[in-house]
ModelCIF file with pLDDT and N, C-alpha, C, O atoms, coordinates in Angstrom:
data_MODEL
#
_entry.id   MODEL 
#
_entity.id                         1 
_entity.type                       polymer 
_entity.pdbx_number_of_molecules   1 
#
_entity_poly.entity_id                      1 
_entity_poly.type                           'polypeptide(L)' 
_entity_poly.nstd_linkage                   no 
_entity_poly.nstd_monomer                   no 
_entity_poly.pdbx_seq_one_letter_code       AVLKDLYKTLVYRVSRWRNERSEVMPVNIIERPPSAELKPDQVDQDT 
_entity_poly.pdbx_seq_one_letter_code_can   AVLKDLYKTLVYRVSRWRNERSEVMPVNIIERPPSAELKPDQVDQDT 
_entity_poly.pdbx_strand_id                 A 
#
loop_
_entity_poly_seq.entity_id 
_entity_poly_seq.num 
_entity_poly_seq.mon_id 
_entity_poly_seq.hetero 
1 1  ALA n 
1 2  VAL n 
1 3  LEU n 
1 4  LYS n 
1 5  ASP n 
1 6  LEU n 
1 7  TYR n 
1 8  LYS n 
1 9  THR n 
1 10 LEU n 
1 11 VAL n 
1 12 TYR n 
1 13 ARG n 
1 14 VAL n 
1 15 SER n 
1 16 ARG n 
1 17 TRP n 
1 18 ARG n 
1 19 ASN n 
1 20 GLU n 
1 21 ARG n 
1 22 SER n 
1 23 GLU n 
1 24 VAL n 
1 25 MET n 
1 26 PRO n 
1 27 VAL n 
1 28 ASN n 
1 29 ILE n 
1 30 ILE n 
1 31 GLU n 
1 32 ARG n 
1 33 PRO n 
1 34 PRO n 
1 35 SER n 
1 36 ALA n 
1 37 GLU n 
1 38 LEU n 
1 39 LYS n 
1 40 PRO n 
1 41 ASP n 
1 42 GLN n 
1 43 VAL n 
1 44 ASP n 
1 45 GLN n 
1 46 ASP n 
1 47 THR n 
#
_struct_asym.id          A 
_struct_asym.entity_id   1 
#
loop_
_ma_qa_metric.id 
_ma_qa_metric.mode 
_ma_qa_metric.name 
_ma_qa_metric.software_group_id 
_ma_qa_metric.type 
1 global pLDDT . pLDDT 
2 local  pLDDT . pLDDT 
#
_ma_qa_metric_global.metric_id      1 
_ma_qa_metric_global.metric_value   87.57 
_ma_qa_metric_global.model_id       1 
_ma_qa_metric_global.ordinal_id     1 
#
loop_
_ma_qa_metric_local.label_asym_id 
_ma_qa_metric_local.label_comp_id 
_ma_qa_metric_local.label_seq_id 
_ma_qa_metric_local.metric_id 
_ma_qa_metric_local.metric_value 
_ma_qa_metric_local.model_id 
_ma_qa_metric_local.ordinal_id 
A ALA 1  2 98.00 1 1  
A VAL 2  2 98.00 1 2  
A LEU 3  2 98.00 1 3  
A LYS 4  2 97.00 1 4  
A ASP 5  2 98.00 1 5  
A LEU 6  2 98.00 1 6  
A TYR 7  2 97.00 1 7  
A LYS 8  2 97.00 1 8  
A THR 9  2 96.00 1 9  
A LEU 10 2 97.00 1 10 
A VAL 11 2 97.00 1 11 
A TYR 12 2 97.00 1 12 
A ARG 13 2 97.00 1 13 
A VAL 14 2 98.00 1 14 
A SER 15 2 98.00 1 15 
A ARG 16 2 97.00 1 16 
A TRP 17 2 98.00 1 17 
A ARG 18 2 98.00 1 18 
A ASN 19 2 97.00 1 19 
A GLU 20 2 97.00 1 20 
A ARG 21 2 96.00 1 21 
A SER 22 2 96.00 1 22 
A GLU 23 2 96.00 1 23 
A VAL 24 2 97.00 1 24 
A MET 25 2 96.00 1 25 
A PRO 26 2 96.00 1 26 
A VAL 27 2 94.00 1 27 
A ASN 28 2 93.00 1 28 
A ILE 29 2 94.00 1 29 
A ILE 30 2 94.00 1 30 
A GLU 31 2 91.00 1 31 
A ARG 32 2 87.00 1 32 
A PRO 33 2 79.00 1 33 
A PRO 34 2 75.00 1 34 
A SER 35 2 70.00 1 35 
A ALA 36 2 66.00 1 36 
A GLU 37 2 61.00 1 37 
A LEU 38 2 67.00 1 38 
A LYS 39 2 67.00 1 39 
A PRO 40 2 73.00 1 40 
A ASP 41 2 69.00 1 41 
A GLN 42 2 65.00 1 42 
A VAL 43 2 68.00 1 43 
A ASP 44 2 67.00 1 44 
A GLN 45 2 70.00 1 45 
A ASP 46 2 67.00 1 46 
A THR 47 2 74.00 1 47 
#
loop_
_atom_site.group_PDB 
_atom_site.id 
_atom_site.type_symbol 
_atom_site.label_atom_id 
_atom_site.label_alt_id 
_atom_site.label_comp_id 
_atom_site.label_asym_id 
_atom_site.label_entity_id 
_atom_site.label_seq_id 
_atom_site.pdbx_PDB_ins_code 
_atom_site.Cartn_x 
_atom_site.Cartn_y 
_atom_site.Cartn_z 
_atom_site.occupancy 
_atom_site.B_iso_or_equiv 
_atom_site.pdbx_formal_charge 
_atom_site.auth_seq_id 
_atom_site.auth_comp_id 
_atom_site.auth_asym_id 
_atom_site.auth_atom_id 
_atom_site.pdbx_PDB_model_num 
ATOM 1   N N  . ALA A 1 1  ? -6.692  -9.060  -10.818 1.00 98.00 ? 1  ALA A N  1 
ATOM 2   C CA . ALA A 1 1  ? -6.818  -10.325 -10.093 1.00 98.00 ? 1  ALA A CA 1 
ATOM 3   C C  . ALA A 1 1  ? -5.496  -10.638 -9.394  1.00 98.00 ? 1  ALA A C  1 
ATOM 4   O O  . ALA A 1 1  ? -4.546  -11.101 -10.025 1.00 98.00 ? 1  ALA A O  1 
ATOM 5   N N  . VAL A 1 2  ? -5.446  -10.387 -8.107  1.00 98.00 ? 2  VAL A N  1 
ATOM 6   C CA . VAL A 1 2  ? -4.180  -10.465 -7.363  1.00 98.00 ? 2  VAL A CA 1 
ATOM 7   C C  . VAL A 1 2  ? -3.683  -11.900 -7.248  1.00 98.00 ? 2  VAL A C  1 
ATOM 8   O O  . VAL A 1 2  ? -2.491  -12.150 -7.430  1.00 98.00 ? 2  VAL A O  1 
ATOM 9   N N  . LEU A 1 3  ? -4.569  -12.849 -6.949  1.00 98.00 ? 3  LEU A N  1 
ATOM 10  C CA . LEU A 1 3  ? -4.173  -14.235 -6.697  1.00 98.00 ? 3  LEU A CA 1 
ATOM 11  C C  . LEU A 1 3  ? -4.349  -15.132 -7.923  1.00 98.00 ? 3  LEU A C  1 
ATOM 12  O O  . LEU A 1 3  ? -4.307  -16.355 -7.793  1.00 98.00 ? 3  LEU A O  1 
ATOM 13  N N  . LYS A 1 4  ? -4.537  -14.571 -9.070  1.00 97.00 ? 4  LYS A N  1 
ATOM 14  C CA . LYS A 1 4  ? -4.911  -15.329 -10.262 1.00 97.00 ? 4  LYS A CA 1 
ATOM 15  C C  . LYS A 1 4  ? -3.952  -16.463 -10.579 1.00 97.00 ? 4  LYS A C  1 
ATOM 16  O O  . LYS A 1 4  ? -4.362  -17.474 -11.149 1.00 97.00 ? 4  LYS A O  1 
ATOM 17  N N  . ASP A 1 5  ? -2.681  -16.316 -10.221 1.00 98.00 ? 5  ASP A N  1 
ATOM 18  C CA . ASP A 1 5  ? -1.687  -17.341 -10.552 1.00 98.00 ? 5  ASP A CA 1 
ATOM 19  C C  . ASP A 1 5  ? -1.094  -17.983 -9.299  1.00 98.00 ? 5  ASP A C  1 
ATOM 20  O O  . ASP A 1 5  ? 0.031   -18.484 -9.321  1.00 98.00 ? 5  ASP A O  1 
ATOM 21  N N  . LEU A 1 6  ? -1.859  -17.964 -8.210  1.00 98.00 ? 6  LEU A N  1 
ATOM 22  C CA . LEU A 1 6  ? -1.408  -18.564 -6.952  1.00 98.00 ? 6  LEU A CA 1 
ATOM 23  C C  . LEU A 1 6  ? -2.338  -19.725 -6.610  1.00 98.00 ? 6  LEU A C  1 
ATOM 24  O O  . LEU A 1 6  ? -3.525  -19.528 -6.349  1.00 98.00 ? 6  LEU A O  1 
ATOM 25  N N  . TYR A 1 7  ? -1.785  -20.934 -6.615  1.00 97.00 ? 7  TYR A N  1 
ATOM 26  C CA . TYR A 1 7  ? -2.594  -22.108 -6.277  1.00 97.00 ? 7  TYR A CA 1 
ATOM 27  C C  . TYR A 1 7  ? -3.136  -21.983 -4.854  1.00 97.00 ? 7  TYR A C  1 
ATOM 28  O O  . TYR A 1 7  ? -2.557  -21.302 -4.008  1.00 97.00 ? 7  TYR A O  1 
ATOM 29  N N  . LYS A 1 8  ? -4.267  -22.660 -4.612  1.00 97.00 ? 8  LYS A N  1 
ATOM 30  C CA . LYS A 1 8  ? -4.879  -22.595 -3.281  1.00 97.00 ? 8  LYS A CA 1 
ATOM 31  C C  . LYS A 1 8  ? -3.927  -23.100 -2.198  1.00 97.00 ? 8  LYS A C  1 
ATOM 32  O O  . LYS A 1 8  ? -3.881  -22.534 -1.106  1.00 97.00 ? 8  LYS A O  1 
ATOM 33  N N  . THR A 1 9  ? -3.177  -24.145 -2.484  1.00 96.00 ? 9  THR A N  1 
ATOM 34  C CA . THR A 1 9  ? -2.218  -24.633 -1.483  1.00 96.00 ? 9  THR A CA 1 
ATOM 35  C C  . THR A 1 9  ? -1.184  -23.559 -1.159  1.00 96.00 ? 9  THR A C  1 
ATOM 36  O O  . THR A 1 9  ? -0.763  -23.426 -0.010  1.00 96.00 ? 9  THR A O  1 
ATOM 37  N N  . LEU A 1 10 ? -0.773  -22.790 -2.175  1.00 97.00 ? 10 LEU A N  1 
ATOM 38  C CA . LEU A 1 10 ? 0.172   -21.699 -1.919  1.00 97.00 ? 10 LEU A CA 1 
ATOM 39  C C  . LEU A 1 10 ? -0.495  -20.527 -1.224  1.00 97.00 ? 10 LEU A C  1 
ATOM 40  O O  . LEU A 1 10 ? 0.154   -19.807 -0.466  1.00 97.00 ? 10 LEU A O  1 
ATOM 41  N N  . VAL A 1 11 ? -1.782  -20.326 -1.470  1.00 97.00 ? 11 VAL A N  1 
ATOM 42  C CA . VAL A 1 11 ? -2.511  -19.274 -0.750  1.00 97.00 ? 11 VAL A CA 1 
ATOM 43  C C  . VAL A 1 11 ? -2.359  -19.485 0.755   1.00 97.00 ? 11 VAL A C  1 
ATOM 44  O O  . VAL A 1 11 ? -2.091  -18.542 1.499   1.00 97.00 ? 11 VAL A O  1 
ATOM 45  N N  . TYR A 1 12 ? -2.533  -20.722 1.191   1.00 97.00 ? 12 TYR A N  1 
ATOM 46  C CA . TYR A 1 12 ? -2.397  -21.011 2.622   1.00 97.00 ? 12 TYR A CA 1 
ATOM 47  C C  . TYR A 1 12 ? -0.964  -20.819 3.098   1.00 97.00 ? 12 TYR A C  1 
ATOM 48  O O  . TYR A 1 12 ? -0.740  -20.242 4.162   1.00 97.00 ? 12 TYR A O  1 
ATOM 49  N N  . ARG A 1 13 ? 0.005   -21.293 2.328   1.00 97.00 ? 13 ARG A N  1 
ATOM 50  C CA . ARG A 1 13 ? 1.406   -21.142 2.735   1.00 97.00 ? 13 ARG A CA 1 
ATOM 51  C C  . ARG A 1 13 ? 1.805   -19.668 2.823   1.00 97.00 ? 13 ARG A C  1 
ATOM 52  O O  . ARG A 1 13 ? 2.456   -19.247 3.780   1.00 97.00 ? 13 ARG A O  1 
ATOM 53  N N  . VAL A 1 14 ? 1.409   -18.896 1.821   1.00 98.00 ? 14 VAL A N  1 
ATOM 54  C CA . VAL A 1 14 ? 1.767   -17.473 1.815   1.00 98.00 ? 14 VAL A CA 1 
ATOM 55  C C  . VAL A 1 14 ? 1.039   -16.737 2.939   1.00 98.00 ? 14 VAL A C  1 
ATOM 56  O O  . VAL A 1 14 ? 1.608   -15.831 3.548   1.00 98.00 ? 14 VAL A O  1 
ATOM 57  N N  . SER A 1 15 ? -0.198  -17.109 3.218   1.00 98.00 ? 15 SER A N  1 
ATOM 58  C CA . SER A 1 15 ? -0.951  -16.466 4.304   1.00 98.00 ? 15 SER A CA 1 
ATOM 59  C C  . SER A 1 15 ? -0.275  -16.728 5.651   1.00 98.00 ? 15 SER A C  1 
ATOM 60  O O  . SER A 1 15 ? -0.142  -15.821 6.473   1.00 98.00 ? 15 SER A O  1 
ATOM 61  N N  . ARG A 1 16 ? 0.147   -17.962 5.867   1.00 97.00 ? 16 ARG A N  1 
ATOM 62  C CA . ARG A 1 16 ? 0.847   -18.271 7.120   1.00 97.00 ? 16 ARG A CA 1 
ATOM 63  C C  . ARG A 1 16 ? 2.159   -17.493 7.209   1.00 97.00 ? 16 ARG A C  1 
ATOM 64  O O  . ARG A 1 16 ? 2.516   -16.980 8.270   1.00 97.00 ? 16 ARG A O  1 
ATOM 65  N N  . TRP A 1 17 ? 2.874   -17.411 6.081   1.00 98.00 ? 17 TRP A N  1 
ATOM 66  C CA . TRP A 1 17 ? 4.133   -16.644 6.054   1.00 98.00 ? 17 TRP A CA 1 
ATOM 67  C C  . TRP A 1 17 ? 3.871   -15.192 6.421   1.00 98.00 ? 17 TRP A C  1 
ATOM 68  O O  . TRP A 1 17 ? 4.603   -14.616 7.227   1.00 98.00 ? 17 TRP A O  1 
ATOM 69  N N  . ARG A 1 18 ? 2.826   -14.587 5.836   1.00 98.00 ? 18 ARG A N  1 
ATOM 70  C CA . ARG A 1 18 ? 2.535   -13.179 6.136   1.00 98.00 ? 18 ARG A CA 1 
ATOM 71  C C  . ARG A 1 18 ? 2.162   -13.006 7.598   1.00 98.00 ? 18 ARG A C  1 
ATOM 72  O O  . ARG A 1 18 ? 2.551   -12.018 8.219   1.00 98.00 ? 18 ARG A O  1 
ATOM 73  N N  . ASN A 1 19 ? 1.412   -13.951 8.159   1.00 97.00 ? 19 ASN A N  1 
ATOM 74  C CA . ASN A 1 19 ? 1.004   -13.844 9.550   1.00 97.00 ? 19 ASN A CA 1 
ATOM 75  C C  . ASN A 1 19 ? 2.174   -14.001 10.515  1.00 97.00 ? 19 ASN A C  1 
ATOM 76  O O  . ASN A 1 19 ? 2.121   -13.501 11.639  1.00 97.00 ? 19 ASN A O  1 
ATOM 77  N N  . GLU A 1 20 ? 3.228   -14.691 10.088  1.00 97.00 ? 20 GLU A N  1 
ATOM 78  C CA . GLU A 1 20 ? 4.416   -14.801 10.929  1.00 97.00 ? 20 GLU A CA 1 
ATOM 79  C C  . GLU A 1 20 ? 5.133   -13.466 11.060  1.00 97.00 ? 20 GLU A C  1 
ATOM 80  O O  . GLU A 1 20 ? 5.829   -13.238 12.049  1.00 97.00 ? 20 GLU A O  1 
ATOM 81  N N  . ARG A 1 21 ? 4.980   -12.584 10.086  1.00 96.00 ? 21 ARG A N  1 
ATOM 82  C CA . ARG A 1 21 ? 5.598   -11.242 10.163  1.00 96.00 ? 21 ARG A CA 1 
ATOM 83  C C  . ARG A 1 21 ? 4.818   -10.360 11.119  1.00 96.00 ? 21 ARG A C  1 
ATOM 84  O O  . ARG A 1 21 ? 5.409   -9.658  11.940  1.00 96.00 ? 21 ARG A O  1 
ATOM 85  N N  . SER A 1 22 ? 3.524   -10.389 11.023  1.00 96.00 ? 22 SER A N  1 
ATOM 86  C CA . SER A 1 22 ? 2.613   -9.736  11.972  1.00 96.00 ? 22 SER A CA 1 
ATOM 87  C C  . SER A 1 22 ? 1.246   -10.346 11.725  1.00 96.00 ? 22 SER A C  1 
ATOM 88  O O  . SER A 1 22 ? 0.855   -10.547 10.576  1.00 96.00 ? 22 SER A O  1 
ATOM 89  N N  . GLU A 1 23 ? 0.526   -10.638 12.777  1.00 96.00 ? 23 GLU A N  1 
ATOM 90  C CA . GLU A 1 23 ? -0.705  -11.414 12.633  1.00 96.00 ? 23 GLU A CA 1 
ATOM 91  C C  . GLU A 1 23 ? -1.850  -10.516 12.179  1.00 96.00 ? 23 GLU A C  1 
ATOM 92  O O  . GLU A 1 23 ? -2.631  -10.019 12.991  1.00 96.00 ? 23 GLU A O  1 
ATOM 93  N N  . VAL A 1 24 ? -1.934  -10.322 10.871  1.00 97.00 ? 24 VAL A N  1 
ATOM 94  C CA . VAL A 1 24 ? -2.983  -9.468  10.309  1.00 97.00 ? 24 VAL A CA 1 
ATOM 95  C C  . VAL A 1 24 ? -4.258  -10.251 10.037  1.00 97.00 ? 24 VAL A C  1 
ATOM 96  O O  . VAL A 1 24 ? -5.331  -9.660  9.909   1.00 97.00 ? 24 VAL A O  1 
ATOM 97  N N  . MET A 1 25 ? -4.155  -11.580 9.946   1.00 96.00 ? 25 MET A N  1 
ATOM 98  C CA . MET A 1 25 ? -5.327  -12.416 9.677   1.00 96.00 ? 25 MET A CA 1 
ATOM 99  C C  . MET A 1 25 ? -5.696  -13.197 10.931  1.00 96.00 ? 25 MET A C  1 
ATOM 100 O O  . MET A 1 25 ? -4.834  -13.849 11.520  1.00 96.00 ? 25 MET A O  1 
ATOM 101 N N  . PRO A 1 26 ? -6.940  -13.147 11.346  1.00 96.00 ? 26 PRO A N  1 
ATOM 102 C CA . PRO A 1 26 ? -7.360  -14.041 12.424  1.00 96.00 ? 26 PRO A CA 1 
ATOM 103 C C  . PRO A 1 26 ? -7.054  -15.491 12.057  1.00 96.00 ? 26 PRO A C  1 
ATOM 104 O O  . PRO A 1 26 ? -7.246  -15.899 10.911  1.00 96.00 ? 26 PRO A O  1 
ATOM 105 N N  . VAL A 1 27 ? -6.582  -16.264 13.024  1.00 94.00 ? 27 VAL A N  1 
ATOM 106 C CA . VAL A 1 27 ? -6.161  -17.640 12.755  1.00 94.00 ? 27 VAL A CA 1 
ATOM 107 C C  . VAL A 1 27 ? -7.294  -18.468 12.166  1.00 94.00 ? 27 VAL A C  1 
ATOM 108 O O  . VAL A 1 27 ? -7.049  -19.361 11.356  1.00 94.00 ? 27 VAL A O  1 
ATOM 109 N N  . ASN A 1 28 ? -8.542  -18.181 12.567  1.00 93.00 ? 28 ASN A N  1 
ATOM 110 C CA . ASN A 1 28 ? -9.697  -18.917 12.027  1.00 93.00 ? 28 ASN A CA 1 
ATOM 111 C C  . ASN A 1 28 ? -9.725  -18.894 10.508  1.00 93.00 ? 28 ASN A C  1 
ATOM 112 O O  . ASN A 1 28 ? -10.082 -19.884 9.870   1.00 93.00 ? 28 ASN A O  1 
ATOM 113 N N  . ILE A 1 29 ? -9.346  -17.760 9.935   1.00 94.00 ? 29 ILE A N  1 
ATOM 114 C CA . ILE A 1 29 ? -9.428  -17.597 8.481   1.00 94.00 ? 29 ILE A CA 1 
ATOM 115 C C  . ILE A 1 29 ? -8.539  -18.611 7.777   1.00 94.00 ? 29 ILE A C  1 
ATOM 116 O O  . ILE A 1 29 ? -8.903  -19.139 6.726   1.00 94.00 ? 29 ILE A O  1 
ATOM 117 N N  . ILE A 1 30 ? -7.375  -18.882 8.352   1.00 94.00 ? 30 ILE A N  1 
ATOM 118 C CA . ILE A 1 30 ? -6.422  -19.791 7.719   1.00 94.00 ? 30 ILE A CA 1 
ATOM 119 C C  . ILE A 1 30 ? -6.750  -21.249 8.038   1.00 94.00 ? 30 ILE A C  1 
ATOM 120 O O  . ILE A 1 30 ? -6.485  -22.133 7.223   1.00 94.00 ? 30 ILE A O  1 
ATOM 121 N N  . GLU A 1 31 ? -7.321  -21.506 9.206   1.00 91.00 ? 31 GLU A N  1 
ATOM 122 C CA . GLU A 1 31 ? -7.491  -22.885 9.655   1.00 91.00 ? 31 GLU A CA 1 
ATOM 123 C C  . GLU A 1 31 ? -8.825  -23.507 9.276   1.00 91.00 ? 31 GLU A C  1 
ATOM 124 O O  . GLU A 1 31 ? -8.911  -24.732 9.181   1.00 91.00 ? 31 GLU A O  1 
ATOM 125 N N  . ARG A 1 32 ? -9.860  -22.723 9.057   1.00 87.00 ? 32 ARG A N  1 
ATOM 126 C CA . ARG A 1 32 ? -11.178 -23.303 8.782   1.00 87.00 ? 32 ARG A CA 1 
ATOM 127 C C  . ARG A 1 32 ? -11.240 -23.852 7.360   1.00 87.00 ? 32 ARG A C  1 
ATOM 128 O O  . ARG A 1 32 ? -10.512 -23.365 6.495   1.00 87.00 ? 32 ARG A O  1 
ATOM 129 N N  . PRO A 1 33 ? -12.087 -24.855 7.086   1.00 79.00 ? 33 PRO A N  1 
ATOM 130 C CA . PRO A 1 33 ? -12.233 -25.373 5.722   1.00 79.00 ? 33 PRO A CA 1 
ATOM 131 C C  . PRO A 1 33 ? -12.763 -24.284 4.794   1.00 79.00 ? 33 PRO A C  1 
ATOM 132 O O  . PRO A 1 33 ? -13.659 -23.534 5.179   1.00 79.00 ? 33 PRO A O  1 
ATOM 133 N N  . PRO A 1 34 ? -12.228 -24.185 3.584   1.00 75.00 ? 34 PRO A N  1 
ATOM 134 C CA . PRO A 1 34 ? -12.687 -23.142 2.662   1.00 75.00 ? 34 PRO A CA 1 
ATOM 135 C C  . PRO A 1 34 ? -14.112 -23.387 2.187   1.00 75.00 ? 34 PRO A C  1 
ATOM 136 O O  . PRO A 1 34 ? -14.517 -24.525 1.949   1.00 75.00 ? 34 PRO A O  1 
ATOM 137 N N  . SER A 1 35 ? -14.874 -22.286 2.052   1.00 70.00 ? 35 SER A N  1 
ATOM 138 C CA . SER A 1 35 ? -16.268 -22.380 1.622   1.00 70.00 ? 35 SER A CA 1 
ATOM 139 C C  . SER A 1 35 ? -16.689 -21.114 0.909   1.00 70.00 ? 35 SER A C  1 
ATOM 140 O O  . SER A 1 35 ? -16.311 -20.010 1.300   1.00 70.00 ? 35 SER A O  1 
ATOM 141 N N  . ALA A 1 36 ? -17.486 -21.284 -0.154  1.00 66.00 ? 36 ALA A N  1 
ATOM 142 C CA . ALA A 1 36 ? -18.068 -20.123 -0.838  1.00 66.00 ? 36 ALA A CA 1 
ATOM 143 C C  . ALA A 1 36 ? -19.256 -19.555 -0.073  1.00 66.00 ? 36 ALA A C  1 
ATOM 144 O O  . ALA A 1 36 ? -19.667 -18.423 -0.330  1.00 66.00 ? 36 ALA A O  1 
ATOM 145 N N  . GLU A 1 37 ? -19.817 -20.322 0.865   1.00 61.00 ? 37 GLU A N  1 
ATOM 146 C CA . GLU A 1 37 ? -20.961 -19.907 1.695   1.00 61.00 ? 37 GLU A CA 1 
ATOM 147 C C  . GLU A 1 37 ? -22.129 -19.389 0.841   1.00 61.00 ? 37 GLU A C  1 
ATOM 148 O O  . GLU A 1 37 ? -22.668 -18.306 1.072   1.00 61.00 ? 37 GLU A O  1 
ATOM 149 N N  . LEU A 1 38 ? -22.493 -20.206 -0.149  1.00 67.00 ? 38 LEU A N  1 
ATOM 150 C CA . LEU A 1 38 ? -23.626 -19.854 -1.012  1.00 67.00 ? 38 LEU A CA 1 
ATOM 151 C C  . LEU A 1 38 ? -24.845 -20.723 -0.745  1.00 67.00 ? 38 LEU A C  1 
ATOM 152 O O  . LEU A 1 38 ? -25.916 -20.508 -1.312  1.00 67.00 ? 38 LEU A O  1 
ATOM 153 N N  . LYS A 1 39 ? -24.661 -21.727 0.146   1.00 67.00 ? 39 LYS A N  1 
ATOM 154 C CA . LYS A 1 39 ? -25.782 -22.547 0.600   1.00 67.00 ? 39 LYS A CA 1 
ATOM 155 C C  . LYS A 1 39 ? -25.397 -23.134 1.953   1.00 67.00 ? 39 LYS A C  1 
ATOM 156 O O  . LYS A 1 39 ? -24.228 -23.052 2.330   1.00 67.00 ? 39 LYS A O  1 
ATOM 157 N N  . PRO A 1 40 ? -26.321 -23.719 2.694   1.00 73.00 ? 40 PRO A N  1 
ATOM 158 C CA . PRO A 1 40 ? -26.017 -24.190 4.042   1.00 73.00 ? 40 PRO A CA 1 
ATOM 159 C C  . PRO A 1 40 ? -24.923 -25.259 4.049   1.00 73.00 ? 40 PRO A C  1 
ATOM 160 O O  . PRO A 1 40 ? -24.920 -26.179 3.231   1.00 73.00 ? 40 PRO A O  1 
ATOM 161 N N  . ASP A 1 41 ? -23.978 -25.108 5.017   1.00 69.00 ? 41 ASP A N  1 
ATOM 162 C CA . ASP A 1 41 ? -22.948 -26.107 5.300   1.00 69.00 ? 41 ASP A CA 1 
ATOM 163 C C  . ASP A 1 41 ? -22.094 -26.445 4.074   1.00 69.00 ? 41 ASP A C  1 
ATOM 164 O O  . ASP A 1 41 ? -21.652 -27.584 3.924   1.00 69.00 ? 41 ASP A O  1 
ATOM 165 N N  . GLN A 1 42 ? -21.866 -25.492 3.225   1.00 65.00 ? 42 GLN A N  1 
ATOM 166 C CA . GLN A 1 42 ? -21.108 -25.725 1.995   1.00 65.00 ? 42 GLN A CA 1 
ATOM 167 C C  . GLN A 1 42 ? -19.610 -25.626 2.259   1.00 65.00 ? 42 GLN A C  1 
ATOM 168 O O  . GLN A 1 42 ? -19.168 -24.735 2.985   1.00 65.00 ? 42 GLN A O  1 
ATOM 169 N N  . VAL A 1 43 ? -18.823 -26.533 1.677   1.00 68.00 ? 43 VAL A N  1 
ATOM 170 C CA . VAL A 1 43 ? -17.363 -26.426 1.671   1.00 68.00 ? 43 VAL A CA 1 
ATOM 171 C C  . VAL A 1 43 ? -16.880 -26.720 0.256   1.00 68.00 ? 43 VAL A C  1 
ATOM 172 O O  . VAL A 1 43 ? -17.571 -27.394 -0.508  1.00 68.00 ? 43 VAL A O  1 
ATOM 173 N N  . ASP A 1 44 ? -15.686 -26.212 -0.102  1.00 67.00 ? 44 ASP A N  1 
ATOM 174 C CA . ASP A 1 44 ? -15.174 -26.367 -1.465  1.00 67.00 ? 44 ASP A CA 1 
ATOM 175 C C  . ASP A 1 44 ? -15.070 -27.831 -1.878  1.00 67.00 ? 44 ASP A C  1 
ATOM 176 O O  . ASP A 1 44 ? -15.324 -28.180 -3.031  1.00 67.00 ? 44 ASP A O  1 
ATOM 177 N N  . GLN A 1 45 ? -14.690 -28.692 -0.913  1.00 70.00 ? 45 GLN A N  1 
ATOM 178 C CA . GLN A 1 45 ? -14.463 -30.087 -1.252  1.00 70.00 ? 45 GLN A CA 1 
ATOM 179 C C  . GLN A 1 45 ? -15.761 -30.858 -1.544  1.00 70.00 ? 45 GLN A C  1 
ATOM 180 O O  . GLN A 1 45 ? -15.720 -32.045 -1.868  1.00 70.00 ? 45 GLN A O  1 
ATOM 181 N N  . ASP A 1 46 ? -16.918 -30.175 -1.427  1.00 67.00 ? 46 ASP A N  1 
ATOM 182 C CA . ASP A 1 46 ? -18.165 -30.776 -1.912  1.00 67.00 ? 46 ASP A CA 1 
ATOM 183 C C  . ASP A 1 46 ? -18.112 -30.984 -3.424  1.00 67.00 ? 46 ASP A C  1 
ATOM 184 O O  . ASP A 1 46 ? -18.677 -31.943 -3.948  1.00 67.00 ? 46 ASP A O  1 
ATOM 185 N N  . THR A 1 47 ? -17.433 -30.083 -4.111  1.00 74.00 ? 47 THR A N  1 
ATOM 186 C CA . THR A 1 47 ? -17.433 -30.116 -5.581  1.00 74.00 ? 47 THR A CA 1 
ATOM 187 C C  . THR A 1 47 ? -16.038 -30.217 -6.189  1.00 74.00 ? 47 THR A C  1 
ATOM 188 O O  . THR A 1 47 ? -15.899 -30.253 -7.412  1.00 74.00 ? 47 THR A O  1 
#
């Protein structure tokens, strides 16, 4: 489990840091609201 001890807020900070070195992640991935996409229009902040 690579991210097991990385808070979600740090996931975003570290992702932005990595993209500043070279843009390996499409910007949409970092900017869109997080979602498990297990039902229509779901976002993490629903629960």
